[in-house]
Amino acid sequence: MEKQWADSFREKLDQHYRWPSLYIFKFIVPSGKEPEVRNLFPLHPVSEKQSANGKYTSVTFELIMSDADAVIIVYERASKIEGLIAL
């Protein structure tokens, strides 16, 4: 991920959150890629919902994050999953 994007996102997160804070991660992946997303947080509960046609699955985590940098690290790790869309 680009440093400029990370800096801008960090600034926005710090404006809207008081750390530590509950943060909701929501990803959409091609069906079959859910395990890769779940592996980001293997010990945490996850909510999944398949699209109407079954081609995609939304995966949602709610986690207490320590700061904006911790959130950015998750997005950096998630960006390596092929076909992932972060919301």
C-alpha atoms as a PDB file:
ATOM      1  CA  MET A   1       0.000   0.000   0.000  1.00  0.00           C
ATOM      2  CA  GLU A   2       1.148   3.509  -0.695  1.00  0.00           C
ATOM      3  CA  LYS A   3       2.539   5.625   2.121  1.00  0.00           C
ATOM      4  CA  GLN A   4       0.359   8.551   1.031  1.00  0.00           C
ATOM      5  CA  TRP A   5      -2.779   6.392   1.344  1.00  0.00           C
ATOM      6  CA  ALA A   6      -1.705   5.116   4.771  1.00  0.00           C
ATOM      7  CA  ASP A   7      -0.966   8.611   6.053  1.00  0.00           C
ATOM      8  CA  SER A   8      -4.303   9.961   4.833  1.00  0.00           C
ATOM      9  CA  PHE A   9      -6.231   6.977   6.231  1.00  0.00           C
ATOM     10  CA  ARG A  10      -4.409   7.223   9.592  1.00  0.00           C
ATOM     11  CA  GLU A  11      -5.399  10.892   9.842  1.00  0.00           C
ATOM     12  CA  LYS A  12      -9.055  10.089   9.118  1.00  0.00           C
ATOM     13  CA  LEU A  13      -9.100   7.225  11.603  1.00  0.00           C
ATOM     14  CA  ASP A  14      -7.605   9.420  14.320  1.00  0.00           C
ATOM     15  CA  GLN A  15     -10.242  12.078  13.644  1.00  0.00           C
ATOM     16  CA  HIS A  16     -13.137   9.614  13.995  1.00  0.00           C
ATOM     17  CA  TYR A  17     -11.957   7.172  16.664  1.00  0.00           C
ATOM     18  CA  ARG A  18     -10.731   7.415  20.206  1.00  0.00           C
ATOM     19  CA  TRP A  19      -8.196   4.632  20.721  1.00  0.00           C
ATOM     20  CA  PRO A  20      -8.494   1.905  21.776  1.00  0.00           C
ATOM     21  CA  SER A  21     -11.795   1.471  19.974  1.00  0.00           C
ATOM     22  CA  LEU A  22     -14.105  -1.097  18.461  1.00  0.00           C
ATOM     23  CA  TYR A  23     -13.442  -1.219  14.724  1.00  0.00           C
ATOM     24  CA  ILE A  24     -15.473  -3.134  12.157  1.00  0.00           C
ATOM     25  CA  PHE A  25     -13.613  -4.713   9.264  1.00  0.00           C
ATOM     26  CA  LYS A  26     -15.761  -5.763   6.327  1.00  0.00           C
ATOM     27  CA  PHE A  27     -14.353  -7.542   3.315  1.00  0.00           C
ATOM     28  CA  ILE A  28     -15.916  -9.037   0.221  1.00  0.00           C
ATOM     29  CA  VAL A  29     -14.122 -11.975  -1.356  1.00  0.00           C
ATOM     30  CA  PRO A  30     -14.813 -14.484  -4.100  1.00  0.00           C
ATOM     31  CA  SER A  31     -16.487 -17.520  -2.534  1.00  0.00           C
ATOM     32  CA  GLY A  32     -13.845 -20.001  -1.430  1.00  0.00           C
ATOM     33  CA  LYS A  33     -11.474 -17.273  -0.203  1.00  0.00           C
ATOM     34  CA  GLU A  34     -13.210 -16.941   3.194  1.00  0.00           C
ATOM     35  CA  PRO A  35     -10.596 -19.074   5.008  1.00  0.00           C
ATOM     36  CA  GLU A  36      -7.855 -16.656   3.948  1.00  0.00           C
ATOM     37  CA  VAL A  37      -9.779 -13.768   5.493  1.00  0.00           C
ATOM     38  CA  ARG A  38     -10.609 -15.751   8.652  1.00  0.00           C
ATOM     39  CA  ASN A  39      -6.882 -16.482   9.007  1.00  0.00           C
ATOM     40  CA  LEU A  40      -6.282 -12.769   9.586  1.00  0.00           C
ATOM     41  CA  PHE A  41      -7.891 -13.272  13.027  1.00  0.00           C
ATOM     42  CA  PRO A  42      -8.160 -17.013  13.646  1.00  0.00           C
ATOM     43  CA  LEU A  43      -9.242 -16.643  17.292  1.00  0.00           C
ATOM     44  CA  HIS A  44     -12.004 -14.091  16.755  1.00  0.00           C
ATOM     45  CA  PRO A  45     -15.624 -14.639  15.760  1.00  0.00           C
ATOM     46  CA  VAL A  46     -16.555 -13.733  12.234  1.00  0.00           C
ATOM     47  CA  SER A  47     -19.811 -13.062  10.439  1.00  0.00           C
ATOM     48  CA  GLU A  48     -20.186 -14.303   6.873  1.00  0.00           C
ATOM     49  CA  LYS A  49     -22.909 -13.772   4.308  1.00  0.00           C
ATOM     50  CA  GLN A  50     -22.939 -15.170   0.804  1.00  0.00           C
ATOM     51  CA  SER A  51     -24.179 -13.086  -2.129  1.00  0.00           C
ATOM     52  CA  ALA A  52     -27.473 -13.979  -3.808  1.00  0.00           C
ATOM     53  CA  ASN A  53     -25.700 -15.693  -6.695  1.00  0.00           C
ATOM     54  CA  GLY A  54     -23.116 -17.365  -4.435  1.00  0.00           C
ATOM     55  CA  LYS A  55     -20.108 -15.882  -6.224  1.00  0.00           C
ATOM     56  CA  TYR A  56     -19.015 -13.652  -3.336  1.00  0.00           C
ATOM     57  CA  THR A  57     -19.014 -13.726   0.441  1.00  0.00           C
ATOM     58  CA  SER A  58     -18.882 -10.787   2.849  1.00  0.00           C
ATOM     59  CA  VAL A  59     -16.744 -11.392   5.919  1.00  0.00           C
ATOM     60  CA  THR A  60     -17.064  -9.090   8.935  1.00  0.00           C
ATOM     61  CA  PHE A  61     -14.914  -8.830  12.077  1.00  0.00           C
ATOM     62  CA  GLU A  62     -15.520  -6.549  15.062  1.00  0.00           C
ATOM     63  CA  LEU A  63     -12.332  -6.011  17.038  1.00  0.00           C
ATOM     64  CA  ILE A  64     -10.926  -3.684  19.643  1.00  0.00           C
ATOM     65  CA  MET A  65      -7.992  -2.002  17.948  1.00  0.00           C
ATOM     66  CA  SER A  66      -5.250  -0.191  19.844  1.00  0.00           C
ATOM     67  CA  ASP A  67      -4.616   2.572  17.306  1.00  0.00           C
ATOM     68  CA  ALA A  68      -4.848   3.598  13.665  1.00  0.00           C
ATOM     69  CA  ASP A  69      -1.584   1.850  12.799  1.00  0.00           C
ATOM     70  CA  ALA A  70      -3.014  -1.490  13.967  1.00  0.00           C
ATOM     71  CA  VAL A  71      -5.995  -0.980  11.639  1.00  0.00           C
ATOM     72  CA  ILE A  72      -3.720  -0.139   8.716  1.00  0.00           C
ATOM     73  CA  ILE A  73      -1.643  -3.271   9.327  1.00  0.00           C
ATOM     74  CA  VAL A  74      -4.788  -5.396   8.996  1.00  0.00           C
ATOM     75  CA  TYR A  75      -5.678  -3.749   5.683  1.00  0.00           C
ATOM     76  CA  GLU A  76      -2.117  -4.275   4.441  1.00  0.00           C
ATOM     77  CA  ARG A  77      -2.291  -7.978   5.306  1.00  0.00           C
ATOM     78  CA  ALA A  78      -5.774  -8.302   3.772  1.00  0.00           C
ATOM     79  CA  SER A  79      -4.677  -6.626   0.542  1.00  0.00           C
ATOM     80  CA  LYS A  80      -2.577  -9.691  -0.262  1.00  0.00           C
ATOM     81  CA  ILE A  81      -5.735 -11.830  -0.644  1.00  0.00           C
ATOM     82  CA  GLU A  82      -6.555 -12.159  -4.324  1.00  0.00           C
ATOM     83  CA  GLY A  83      -9.918 -10.641  -5.299  1.00  0.00           C
ATOM     84  CA  LEU A  84     -10.528  -9.019  -1.890  1.00  0.00           C
ATOM     85  CA  ILE A  85     -12.526  -5.804  -1.672  1.00  0.00           C
ATOM     86  CA  ALA A  86     -12.291  -3.852   1.585  1.00  0.00           C
ATOM     87  CA  LEU A  87     -15.287  -1.770   2.580  1.00  0.00           C
END
